[in-house]
Amino acid sequence: FLIAGSDSQTLVVSLYAAVTASGVRAPQSV
């Protein structure tokens, strides 16, 4: 999380970004 950029995120960091990102998204997708 500390070193990754938008094109170098692993699955766990992308999952965290999906949970905390602003906007409306279906919780089922997360």
mmCIF file of all heavy atoms, coordinates in Angstrom:
data_MODEL
# 
_entry.id   MODEL 
# 
loop_
_atom_site.group_PDB 
_atom_site.id 
_atom_site.type_symbol 
_atom_site.label_atom_id 
_atom_site.label_alt_id 
_atom_site.label_comp_id 
_atom_site.label_asym_id 
_atom_site.label_entity_id 
_atom_site.label_seq_id 
_atom_site.pdbx_PDB_ins_code 
_atom_site.Cartn_x 
_atom_site.Cartn_y 
_atom_site.Cartn_z 
_atom_site.occupancy 
_atom_site.B_iso_or_equiv 
_atom_site.pdbx_formal_charge 
_atom_site.auth_seq_id 
_atom_site.auth_comp_id 
_atom_site.auth_asym_id 
_atom_site.auth_atom_id 
_atom_site.pdbx_PDB_model_num 
ATOM 1   N N   . PHE A 1 1  ? 0.826   -1.209  0.000   1.00 0.00 ? 1  PHE A N   1 
ATOM 2   C CA  . PHE A 1 1  ? 0.000   0.000   0.000   1.00 0.00 ? 1  PHE A CA  1 
ATOM 3   C C   . PHE A 1 1  ? 0.859   1.257   0.000   1.00 0.00 ? 1  PHE A C   1 
ATOM 4   O O   . PHE A 1 1  ? 0.537   2.247   -0.669  1.00 0.00 ? 1  PHE A O   1 
ATOM 5   C CB  . PHE A 1 1  ? -0.929  -0.012  1.217   1.00 0.00 ? 1  PHE A CB  1 
ATOM 6   C CG  . PHE A 1 1  ? -1.755  1.229   1.361   1.00 0.00 ? 1  PHE A CG  1 
ATOM 7   C CD1 . PHE A 1 1  ? -2.856  1.452   0.562   1.00 0.00 ? 1  PHE A CD1 1 
ATOM 8   C CD2 . PHE A 1 1  ? -1.425  2.190   2.316   1.00 0.00 ? 1  PHE A CD2 1 
ATOM 9   C CE1 . PHE A 1 1  ? -3.624  2.597   0.692   1.00 0.00 ? 1  PHE A CE1 1 
ATOM 10  C CE2 . PHE A 1 1  ? -2.172  3.335   2.460   1.00 0.00 ? 1  PHE A CE2 1 
ATOM 11  C CZ  . PHE A 1 1  ? -3.284  3.542   1.650   1.00 0.00 ? 1  PHE A CZ  1 
ATOM 12  N N   . LEU A 1 2  ? 1.968   1.234   0.750   1.00 0.00 ? 2  LEU A N   1 
ATOM 13  C CA  . LEU A 1 2  ? 2.813   2.420   0.855   1.00 0.00 ? 2  LEU A CA  1 
ATOM 14  C C   . LEU A 1 2  ? 3.544   2.739   -0.440  1.00 0.00 ? 2  LEU A C   1 
ATOM 15  O O   . LEU A 1 2  ? 3.776   3.911   -0.752  1.00 0.00 ? 2  LEU A O   1 
ATOM 16  C CB  . LEU A 1 2  ? 3.827   2.232   1.988   1.00 0.00 ? 2  LEU A CB  1 
ATOM 17  C CG  . LEU A 1 2  ? 3.268   2.248   3.414   1.00 0.00 ? 2  LEU A CG  1 
ATOM 18  C CD1 . LEU A 1 2  ? 4.344   1.853   4.418   1.00 0.00 ? 2  LEU A CD1 1 
ATOM 19  C CD2 . LEU A 1 2  ? 2.704   3.620   3.764   1.00 0.00 ? 2  LEU A CD2 1 
ATOM 20  N N   . ILE A 1 3  ? 3.922   1.735   -1.211  1.00 0.00 ? 3  ILE A N   1 
ATOM 21  C CA  . ILE A 1 3  ? 4.783   1.954   -2.372  1.00 0.00 ? 3  ILE A CA  1 
ATOM 22  C C   . ILE A 1 3  ? 4.051   1.830   -3.696  1.00 0.00 ? 3  ILE A C   1 
ATOM 23  O O   . ILE A 1 3  ? 4.503   2.368   -4.715  1.00 0.00 ? 3  ILE A O   1 
ATOM 24  C CB  . ILE A 1 3  ? 5.974   0.968   -2.330  1.00 0.00 ? 3  ILE A CB  1 
ATOM 25  C CG1 . ILE A 1 3  ? 7.091   1.423   -3.290  1.00 0.00 ? 3  ILE A CG1 1 
ATOM 26  C CG2 . ILE A 1 3  ? 5.524   -0.436  -2.671  1.00 0.00 ? 3  ILE A CG2 1 
ATOM 27  C CD1 . ILE A 1 3  ? 7.729   2.714   -2.893  1.00 0.00 ? 3  ILE A CD1 1 
ATOM 28  N N   . ALA A 1 4  ? 2.900   1.151   -3.738  1.00 0.00 ? 4  ALA A N   1 
ATOM 29  C CA  . ALA A 1 4  ? 2.241   0.865   -5.017  1.00 0.00 ? 4  ALA A CA  1 
ATOM 30  C C   . ALA A 1 4  ? 1.584   2.100   -5.602  1.00 0.00 ? 4  ALA A C   1 
ATOM 31  O O   . ALA A 1 4  ? 1.104   2.981   -4.877  1.00 0.00 ? 4  ALA A O   1 
ATOM 32  C CB  . ALA A 1 4  ? 1.201   -0.246  -4.847  1.00 0.00 ? 4  ALA A CB  1 
ATOM 33  N N   . GLY A 1 5  ? 1.565   2.164   -6.935  1.00 0.00 ? 5  GLY A N   1 
ATOM 34  C CA  . GLY A 1 5  ? 0.845   3.195   -7.651  1.00 0.00 ? 5  GLY A CA  1 
ATOM 35  C C   . GLY A 1 5  ? -0.429  2.639   -8.244  1.00 0.00 ? 5  GLY A C   1 
ATOM 36  O O   . GLY A 1 5  ? -0.831  1.503   -7.959  1.00 0.00 ? 5  GLY A O   1 
ATOM 37  N N   . SER A 1 6  ? -1.061  3.405   -9.096  1.00 0.00 ? 6  SER A N   1 
ATOM 38  C CA  . SER A 1 6  ? -2.331  2.970   -9.677  1.00 0.00 ? 6  SER A CA  1 
ATOM 39  C C   . SER A 1 6  ? -2.161  1.748   -10.581 1.00 0.00 ? 6  SER A C   1 
ATOM 40  O O   . SER A 1 6  ? -3.096  0.963   -10.737 1.00 0.00 ? 6  SER A O   1 
ATOM 41  C CB  . SER A 1 6  ? -2.949  4.118   -10.482 1.00 0.00 ? 6  SER A CB  1 
ATOM 42  O OG  . SER A 1 6  ? -2.042  4.551   -11.503 1.00 0.00 ? 6  SER A OG  1 
ATOM 43  N N   . ASP A 1 7  ? -0.970  1.565   -11.170 1.00 0.00 ? 7  ASP A N   1 
ATOM 44  C CA  . ASP A 1 7  ? -0.733  0.440   -12.077 1.00 0.00 ? 7  ASP A CA  1 
ATOM 45  C C   . ASP A 1 7  ? 0.059   -0.688  -11.429 1.00 0.00 ? 7  ASP A C   1 
ATOM 46  O O   . ASP A 1 7  ? 0.431   -1.644  -12.119 1.00 0.00 ? 7  ASP A O   1 
ATOM 47  C CB  . ASP A 1 7  ? 0.023   0.927   -13.330 1.00 0.00 ? 7  ASP A CB  1 
ATOM 48  C CG  . ASP A 1 7  ? -0.779  1.940   -14.130 1.00 0.00 ? 7  ASP A CG  1 
ATOM 49  O OD1 . ASP A 1 7  ? -2.019  1.844   -14.128 1.00 0.00 ? 7  ASP A OD1 1 
ATOM 50  O OD2 . ASP A 1 7  ? -0.157  2.831   -14.749 1.00 0.00 ? 7  ASP A OD2 1 
ATOM 51  N N   . SER A 1 8  ? 0.347   -0.580  -10.143 1.00 0.00 ? 8  SER A N   1 
ATOM 52  C CA  . SER A 1 8  ? 1.152   -1.608  -9.475  1.00 0.00 ? 8  SER A CA  1 
ATOM 53  C C   . SER A 1 8  ? 0.504   -2.088  -8.181  1.00 0.00 ? 8  SER A C   1 
ATOM 54  O O   . SER A 1 8  ? 1.197   -2.522  -7.261  1.00 0.00 ? 8  SER A O   1 
ATOM 55  C CB  . SER A 1 8  ? 2.565   -1.077  -9.189  1.00 0.00 ? 8  SER A CB  1 
ATOM 56  O OG  . SER A 1 8  ? 2.515   0.136   -8.458  1.00 0.00 ? 8  SER A OG  1 
ATOM 57  N N   . GLN A 1 9  ? -0.815  -2.014  -8.105  1.00 0.00 ? 9  GLN A N   1 
ATOM 58  C CA  . GLN A 1 9  ? -1.533  -2.472  -6.920  1.00 0.00 ? 9  GLN A CA  1 
ATOM 59  C C   . GLN A 1 9  ? -1.780  -3.968  -6.998  1.00 0.00 ? 9  GLN A C   1 
ATOM 60  O O   . GLN A 1 9  ? -2.172  -4.494  -8.042  1.00 0.00 ? 9  GLN A O   1 
ATOM 61  C CB  . GLN A 1 9  ? -2.875  -1.749  -6.785  1.00 0.00 ? 9  GLN A CB  1 
ATOM 62  C CG  . GLN A 1 9  ? -2.771  -0.273  -6.465  1.00 0.00 ? 9  GLN A CG  1 
ATOM 63  C CD  . GLN A 1 9  ? -4.127  0.374   -6.268  1.00 0.00 ? 9  GLN A CD  1 
ATOM 64  O OE1 . GLN A 1 9  ? -5.159  -0.257  -6.476  1.00 0.00 ? 9  GLN A OE1 1 
ATOM 65  N NE2 . GLN A 1 9  ? -4.136  1.622   -5.864  1.00 0.00 ? 9  GLN A NE2 1 
ATOM 66  N N   . THR A 1 10 ? -1.561  -4.652  -5.874  1.00 0.00 ? 10 THR A N   1 
ATOM 67  C CA  . THR A 1 10 ? -1.916  -6.056  -5.792  1.00 0.00 ? 10 THR A CA  1 
ATOM 68  C C   . THR A 1 10 ? -3.386  -6.186  -5.375  1.00 0.00 ? 10 THR A C   1 
ATOM 69  O O   . THR A 1 10 ? -4.064  -5.195  -5.102  1.00 0.00 ? 10 THR A O   1 
ATOM 70  C CB  . THR A 1 10 ? -1.020  -6.790  -4.793  1.00 0.00 ? 10 THR A CB  1 
ATOM 71  O OG1 . THR A 1 10 ? -1.159  -6.179  -3.499  1.00 0.00 ? 10 THR A OG1 1 
ATOM 72  C CG2 . THR A 1 10 ? 0.435   -6.721  -5.223  1.00 0.00 ? 10 THR A CG2 1 
ATOM 73  N N   . LEU A 1 11 ? -3.851  -7.420  -5.314  1.00 0.00 ? 11 LEU A N   1 
ATOM 74  C CA  . LEU A 1 11 ? -5.280  -7.648  -5.075  1.00 0.00 ? 11 LEU A CA  1 
ATOM 75  C C   . LEU A 1 11 ? -5.728  -7.130  -3.723  1.00 0.00 ? 11 LEU A C   1 
ATOM 76  O O   . LEU A 1 11 ? -6.813  -6.545  -3.600  1.00 0.00 ? 11 LEU A O   1 
ATOM 77  C CB  . LEU A 1 11 ? -5.569  -9.151  -5.192  1.00 0.00 ? 11 LEU A CB  1 
ATOM 78  C CG  . LEU A 1 11 ? -7.036  -9.575  -5.108  1.00 0.00 ? 11 LEU A CG  1 
ATOM 79  C CD1 . LEU A 1 11 ? -7.872  -8.875  -6.169  1.00 0.00 ? 11 LEU A CD1 1 
ATOM 80  C CD2 . LEU A 1 11 ? -7.156  -11.090 -5.264  1.00 0.00 ? 11 LEU A CD2 1 
ATOM 81  N N   . VAL A 1 12 ? -4.922  -7.302  -2.680  1.00 0.00 ? 12 VAL A N   1 
ATOM 82  C CA  . VAL A 1 12 ? -5.336  -6.868  -1.350  1.00 0.00 ? 12 VAL A CA  1 
ATOM 83  C C   . VAL A 1 12 ? -5.425  -5.347  -1.271  1.00 0.00 ? 12 VAL A C   1 
ATOM 84  O O   . VAL A 1 12 ? -6.327  -4.792  -0.628  1.00 0.00 ? 12 VAL A O   1 
ATOM 85  C CB  . VAL A 1 12 ? -4.377  -7.438  -0.280  1.00 0.00 ? 12 VAL A CB  1 
ATOM 86  C CG1 . VAL A 1 12 ? -2.972  -6.894  -0.445  1.00 0.00 ? 12 VAL A CG1 1 
ATOM 87  C CG2 . VAL A 1 12 ? -4.899  -7.147  1.115   1.00 0.00 ? 12 VAL A CG2 1 
ATOM 88  N N   . VAL A 1 13 ? -4.526  -4.624  -1.944  1.00 0.00 ? 13 VAL A N   1 
ATOM 89  C CA  . VAL A 1 13 ? -4.580  -3.165  -1.949  1.00 0.00 ? 13 VAL A CA  1 
ATOM 90  C C   . VAL A 1 13 ? -5.769  -2.685  -2.768  1.00 0.00 ? 13 VAL A C   1 
ATOM 91  O O   . VAL A 1 13 ? -6.448  -1.723  -2.384  1.00 0.00 ? 13 VAL A O   1 
ATOM 92  C CB  . VAL A 1 13 ? -3.266  -2.582  -2.499  1.00 0.00 ? 13 VAL A CB  1 
ATOM 93  C CG1 . VAL A 1 13 ? -3.339  -1.067  -2.600  1.00 0.00 ? 13 VAL A CG1 1 
ATOM 94  C CG2 . VAL A 1 13 ? -2.098  -2.982  -1.601  1.00 0.00 ? 13 VAL A CG2 1 
ATOM 95  N N   . SER A 1 14 ? -6.053  -3.335  -3.871  1.00 0.00 ? 14 SER A N   1 
ATOM 96  C CA  . SER A 1 14 ? -7.219  -2.967  -4.679  1.00 0.00 ? 14 SER A CA  1 
ATOM 97  C C   . SER A 1 14 ? -8.511  -3.213  -3.915  1.00 0.00 ? 14 SER A C   1 
ATOM 98  O O   . SER A 1 14 ? -9.474  -2.444  -4.036  1.00 0.00 ? 14 SER A O   1 
ATOM 99  C CB  . SER A 1 14 ? -7.223  -3.764  -5.985  1.00 0.00 ? 14 SER A CB  1 
ATOM 100 O OG  . SER A 1 14 ? -6.104  -3.444  -6.772  1.00 0.00 ? 14 SER A OG  1 
ATOM 101 N N   . LEU A 1 15 ? -8.540  -4.268  -3.119  1.00 0.00 ? 15 LEU A N   1 
ATOM 102 C CA  . LEU A 1 15 ? -9.720  -4.540  -2.297  1.00 0.00 ? 15 LEU A CA  1 
ATOM 103 C C   . LEU A 1 15 ? -9.930  -3.436  -1.275  1.00 0.00 ? 15 LEU A C   1 
ATOM 104 O O   . LEU A 1 15 ? -11.057 -2.965  -1.075  1.00 0.00 ? 15 LEU A O   1 
ATOM 105 C CB  . LEU A 1 15 ? -9.561  -5.898  -1.607  1.00 0.00 ? 15 LEU A CB  1 
ATOM 106 C CG  . LEU A 1 15 ? -10.671 -6.313  -0.637  1.00 0.00 ? 15 LEU A CG  1 
ATOM 107 C CD1 . LEU A 1 15 ? -12.009 -6.380  -1.354  1.00 0.00 ? 15 LEU A CD1 1 
ATOM 108 C CD2 . LEU A 1 15 ? -10.343 -7.649  0.006   1.00 0.00 ? 15 LEU A CD2 1 
ATOM 109 N N   . TYR A 1 16 ? -8.858  -2.994  -0.636  1.00 0.00 ? 16 TYR A N   1 
ATOM 110 C CA  . TYR A 1 16 ? -8.964  -1.893  0.319   1.00 0.00 ? 16 TYR A CA  1 
ATOM 111 C C   . TYR A 1 16 ? -9.428  -0.613  -0.376  1.00 0.00 ? 16 TYR A C   1 
ATOM 112 O O   . TYR A 1 16 ? -10.284 0.116   0.151   1.00 0.00 ? 16 TYR A O   1 
ATOM 113 C CB  . TYR A 1 16 ? -7.606  -1.662  0.993   1.00 0.00 ? 16 TYR A CB  1 
ATOM 114 C CG  . TYR A 1 16 ? -7.561  -0.434  1.863   1.00 0.00 ? 16 TYR A CG  1 
ATOM 115 C CD1 . TYR A 1 16 ? -8.097  -0.451  3.149   1.00 0.00 ? 16 TYR A CD1 1 
ATOM 116 C CD2 . TYR A 1 16 ? -6.980  0.752   1.407   1.00 0.00 ? 16 TYR A CD2 1 
ATOM 117 C CE1 . TYR A 1 16 ? -8.059  0.678   3.954   1.00 0.00 ? 16 TYR A CE1 1 
ATOM 118 C CE2 . TYR A 1 16 ? -6.936  1.877   2.201   1.00 0.00 ? 16 TYR A CE2 1 
ATOM 119 C CZ  . TYR A 1 16 ? -7.478  1.842   3.471   1.00 0.00 ? 16 TYR A CZ  1 
ATOM 120 O OH  . TYR A 1 16 ? -7.451  2.965   4.265   1.00 0.00 ? 16 TYR A OH  1 
ATOM 121 N N   . ALA A 1 17 ? -8.891  -0.341  -1.550  1.00 0.00 ? 17 ALA A N   1 
ATOM 122 C CA  . ALA A 1 17 ? -9.306  0.851   -2.294  1.00 0.00 ? 17 ALA A CA  1 
ATOM 123 C C   . ALA A 1 17 ? -10.774 0.786   -2.670  1.00 0.00 ? 17 ALA A C   1 
ATOM 124 O O   . ALA A 1 17 ? -11.486 1.800   -2.642  1.00 0.00 ? 17 ALA A O   1 
ATOM 125 C CB  . ALA A 1 17 ? -8.437  1.005   -3.542  1.00 0.00 ? 17 ALA A CB  1 
ATOM 126 N N   . ALA A 1 18 ? -11.255 -0.401  -3.019  1.00 0.00 ? 18 ALA A N   1 
ATOM 127 C CA  . ALA A 1 18 ? -12.659 -0.552  -3.386  1.00 0.00 ? 18 ALA A CA  1 
ATOM 128 C C   . ALA A 1 18 ? -13.573 -0.311  -2.192  1.00 0.00 ? 18 ALA A C   1 
ATOM 129 O O   . ALA A 1 18 ? -14.665 0.255   -2.327  1.00 0.00 ? 18 ALA A O   1 
ATOM 130 C CB  . ALA A 1 18 ? -12.902 -1.948  -3.960  1.00 0.00 ? 18 ALA A CB  1 
ATOM 131 N N   . VAL A 1 19 ? -13.143 -0.734  -1.013  1.00 0.00 ? 19 VAL A N   1 
ATOM 132 C CA  . VAL A 1 19 ? -13.972 -0.573  0.183   1.00 0.00 ? 19 VAL A CA  1 
ATOM 133 C C   . VAL A 1 19 ? -14.014 0.883   0.639   1.00 0.00 ? 19 VAL A C   1 
ATOM 134 O O   . VAL A 1 19 ? -15.062 1.386   1.073   1.00 0.00 ? 19 VAL A O   1 
ATOM 135 C CB  . VAL A 1 19 ? -13.436 -1.475  1.321   1.00 0.00 ? 19 VAL A CB  1 
ATOM 136 C CG1 . VAL A 1 19 ? -14.177 -1.191  2.626   1.00 0.00 ? 19 VAL A CG1 1 
ATOM 137 C CG2 . VAL A 1 19 ? -13.593 -2.942  0.941   1.00 0.00 ? 19 VAL A CG2 1 
ATOM 138 N N   . THR A 1 20 ? -12.878 1.580   0.531   1.00 0.00 ? 20 THR A N   1 
ATOM 139 C CA  . THR A 1 20 ? -12.789 2.934   1.083   1.00 0.00 ? 20 THR A CA  1 
ATOM 140 C C   . THR A 1 20 ? -13.032 4.040   0.061   1.00 0.00 ? 20 THR A C   1 
ATOM 141 O O   . THR A 1 20 ? -13.126 5.200   0.450   1.00 0.00 ? 20 THR A O   1 
ATOM 142 C CB  . THR A 1 20 ? -11.400 3.144   1.705   1.00 0.00 ? 20 THR A CB  1 
ATOM 143 O OG1 . THR A 1 20 ? -10.395 2.947   0.698   1.00 0.00 ? 20 THR A OG1 1 
ATOM 144 C CG2 . THR A 1 20 ? -11.174 2.161   2.847   1.00 0.00 ? 20 THR A CG2 1 
ATOM 145 N N   . ALA A 1 21 ? -13.116 3.706   -1.222  1.00 0.00 ? 21 ALA A N   1 
ATOM 146 C CA  . ALA A 1 21 ? -13.268 4.746   -2.242  1.00 0.00 ? 21 ALA A CA  1 
ATOM 147 C C   . ALA A 1 21 ? -14.635 5.407   -2.134  1.00 0.00 ? 21 ALA A C   1 
ATOM 148 O O   . ALA A 1 21 ? -15.633 4.784   -1.718  1.00 0.00 ? 21 ALA A O   1 
ATOM 149 C CB  . ALA A 1 21 ? -13.079 4.156   -3.632  1.00 0.00 ? 21 ALA A CB  1 
ATOM 150 N N   . SER A 1 22 ? -14.669 6.684   -2.490  1.00 0.00 ? 22 SER A N   1 
ATOM 151 C CA  . SER A 1 22 ? -15.947 7.413   -2.472  1.00 0.00 ? 22 SER A CA  1 
ATOM 152 C C   . SER A 1 22 ? -16.807 6.980   -3.651  1.00 0.00 ? 22 SER A C   1 
ATOM 153 O O   . SER A 1 22 ? -16.323 6.438   -4.640  1.00 0.00 ? 22 SER A O   1 
ATOM 154 C CB  . SER A 1 22 ? -15.674 8.922   -2.552  1.00 0.00 ? 22 SER A CB  1 
ATOM 155 O OG  . SER A 1 22 ? -14.966 9.224   -3.747  1.00 0.00 ? 22 SER A OG  1 
ATOM 156 N N   . GLY A 1 23 ? -18.102 7.234   -3.530  1.00 0.00 ? 23 GLY A N   1 
ATOM 157 C CA  . GLY A 1 23 ? -19.037 6.864   -4.586  1.00 0.00 ? 23 GLY A CA  1 
ATOM 158 C C   . GLY A 1 23 ? -19.958 5.751   -4.137  1.00 0.00 ? 23 GLY A C   1 
ATOM 159 O O   . GLY A 1 23 ? -19.788 5.151   -3.075  1.00 0.00 ? 23 GLY A O   1 
ATOM 160 N N   . VAL A 1 24 ? -20.947 5.490   -4.953  1.00 0.00 ? 24 VAL A N   1 
ATOM 161 C CA  . VAL A 1 24 ? -21.944 4.464   -4.646  1.00 0.00 ? 24 VAL A CA  1 
ATOM 162 C C   . VAL A 1 24 ? -21.620 3.224   -5.463  1.00 0.00 ? 24 VAL A C   1 
ATOM 163 O O   . VAL A 1 24 ? -21.529 3.270   -6.683  1.00 0.00 ? 24 VAL A O   1 
ATOM 164 C CB  . VAL A 1 24 ? -23.364 4.967   -4.977  1.00 0.00 ? 24 VAL A CB  1 
ATOM 165 C CG1 . VAL A 1 24 ? -24.374 3.867   -4.684  1.00 0.00 ? 24 VAL A CG1 1 
ATOM 166 C CG2 . VAL A 1 24 ? -23.687 6.226   -4.184  1.00 0.00 ? 24 VAL A CG2 1 
ATOM 167 N N   . ARG A 1 25 ? -21.446 2.110   -4.773  1.00 0.00 ? 25 ARG A N   1 
ATOM 168 C CA  . ARG A 1 25 ? -21.213 0.841   -5.452  1.00 0.00 ? 25 ARG A CA  1 
ATOM 169 C C   . ARG A 1 25 ? -21.903 -0.249  -4.652  1.00 0.00 ? 25 ARG A C   1 
ATOM 170 O O   . ARG A 1 25 ? -22.060 -0.146  -3.426  1.00 0.00 ? 25 ARG A O   1 
ATOM 171 C CB  . ARG A 1 25 ? -19.715 0.538   -5.602  1.00 0.00 ? 25 ARG A CB  1 
ATOM 172 C CG  . ARG A 1 25 ? -18.953 0.588   -4.314  1.00 0.00 ? 25 ARG A CG  1 
ATOM 173 C CD  . ARG A 1 25 ? -17.504 0.154   -4.484  1.00 0.00 ? 25 ARG A CD  1 
ATOM 174 N NE  . ARG A 1 25 ? -16.873 0.738   -5.626  1.00 0.00 ? 25 ARG A NE  1 
ATOM 175 C CZ  . ARG A 1 25 ? -16.253 1.909   -5.616  1.00 0.00 ? 25 ARG A CZ  1 
ATOM 176 N NH1 . ARG A 1 25 ? -16.227 2.619   -4.493  1.00 0.00 ? 25 ARG A NH1 1 
ATOM 177 N NH2 . ARG A 1 25 ? -15.670 2.372   -6.680  1.00 0.00 ? 25 ARG A NH2 1 
ATOM 178 N N   . ALA A 1 26 ? -22.312 -1.276  -5.330  1.00 0.00 ? 26 ALA A N   1 
ATOM 179 C CA  . ALA A 1 26 ? -23.034 -2.369  -4.671  1.00 0.00 ? 26 ALA A CA  1 
ATOM 180 C C   . ALA A 1 26 ? -22.103 -3.104  -3.712  1.00 0.00 ? 26 ALA A C   1 
ATOM 181 O O   . ALA A 1 26 ? -20.990 -3.482  -4.097  1.00 0.00 ? 26 ALA A O   1 
ATOM 182 C CB  . ALA A 1 26 ? -23.582 -3.329  -5.715  1.00 0.00 ? 26 ALA A CB  1 
ATOM 183 N N   . PRO A 1 27 ? -22.535 -3.297  -2.467  1.00 0.00 ? 27 PRO A N   1 
ATOM 184 C CA  . PRO A 1 27 ? -21.672 -4.042  -1.532  1.00 0.00 ? 27 PRO A CA  1 
ATOM 185 C C   . PRO A 1 27 ? -21.439 -5.473  -1.987  1.00 0.00 ? 27 PRO A C   1 
ATOM 186 O O   . PRO A 1 27 ? -20.430 -6.080  -1.625  1.00 0.00 ? 27 PRO A O   1 
ATOM 187 C CB  . PRO A 1 27 ? -22.447 -3.986  -0.210  1.00 0.00 ? 27 PRO A CB  1 
ATOM 188 C CG  . PRO A 1 27 ? -23.862 -3.692  -0.589  1.00 0.00 ? 27 PRO A CG  1 
ATOM 189 C CD  . PRO A 1 27 ? -23.789 -2.862  -1.830  1.00 0.00 ? 27 PRO A CD  1 
ATOM 190 N N   . GLN A 1 28 ? -22.371 -6.023  -2.792  1.00 0.00 ? 28 GLN A N   1 
ATOM 191 C CA  . GLN A 1 28 ? -22.173 -7.387  -3.285  1.00 0.00 ? 28 GLN A CA  1 
ATOM 192 C C   . GLN A 1 28 ? -20.945 -7.485  -4.187  1.00 0.00 ? 28 GLN A C   1 
ATOM 193 O O   . GLN A 1 28 ? -20.247 -8.499  -4.194  1.00 0.00 ? 28 GLN A O   1 
ATOM 194 C CB  . GLN A 1 28 ? -23.414 -7.869  -4.050  1.00 0.00 ? 28 GLN A CB  1 
ATOM 195 C CG  . GLN A 1 28 ? -24.639 -8.080  -3.180  1.00 0.00 ? 28 GLN A CG  1 
ATOM 196 C CD  . GLN A 1 28 ? -25.519 -6.833  -3.151  1.00 0.00 ? 28 GLN A CD  1 
ATOM 197 O OE1 . GLN A 1 28 ? -25.015 -5.721  -3.274  1.00 0.00 ? 28 GLN A OE1 1 
ATOM 198 N NE2 . GLN A 1 28 ? -26.818 -7.027  -2.983  1.00 0.00 ? 28 GLN A NE2 1 
ATOM 199 N N   . SER A 1 29 ? -20.655 -6.411  -4.959  1.00 0.00 ? 29 SER A N   1 
ATOM 200 C CA  . SER A 1 29 ? -19.475 -6.427  -5.822  1.00 0.00 ? 29 SER A CA  1 
ATOM 201 C C   . SER A 1 29 ? -18.200 -6.448  -4.985  1.00 0.00 ? 29 SER A C   1 
ATOM 202 O O   . SER A 1 29 ? -17.244 -7.160  -5.302  1.00 0.00 ? 29 SER A O   1 
ATOM 203 C CB  . SER A 1 29 ? -19.473 -5.205  -6.742  1.00 0.00 ? 29 SER A CB  1 
ATOM 204 O OG  . SER A 1 29 ? -20.547 -5.249  -7.650  1.00 0.00 ? 29 SER A OG  1 
ATOM 205 N N   . VAL A 1 30 ? -18.182 -5.652  -3.913  1.00 0.00 ? 30 VAL A N   1 
ATOM 206 C CA  . VAL A 1 30 ? -17.021 -5.638  -3.032  1.00 0.00 ? 30 VAL A CA  1 
ATOM 207 C C   . VAL A 1 30 ? -16.843 -6.994  -2.359  1.00 0.00 ? 30 VAL A C   1 
ATOM 208 O O   . VAL A 1 30 ? -15.720 -7.519  -2.236  1.00 0.00 ? 30 VAL A O   1 
ATOM 209 C CB  . VAL A 1 30 ? -17.154 -4.522  -1.986  1.00 0.00 ? 30 VAL A CB  1 
ATOM 210 C CG1 . VAL A 1 30 ? -15.972 -4.538  -1.029  1.00 0.00 ? 30 VAL A CG1 1 
ATOM 211 C CG2 . VAL A 1 30 ? -17.257 -3.163  -2.668  1.00 0.00 ? 30 VAL A CG2 1 
# 
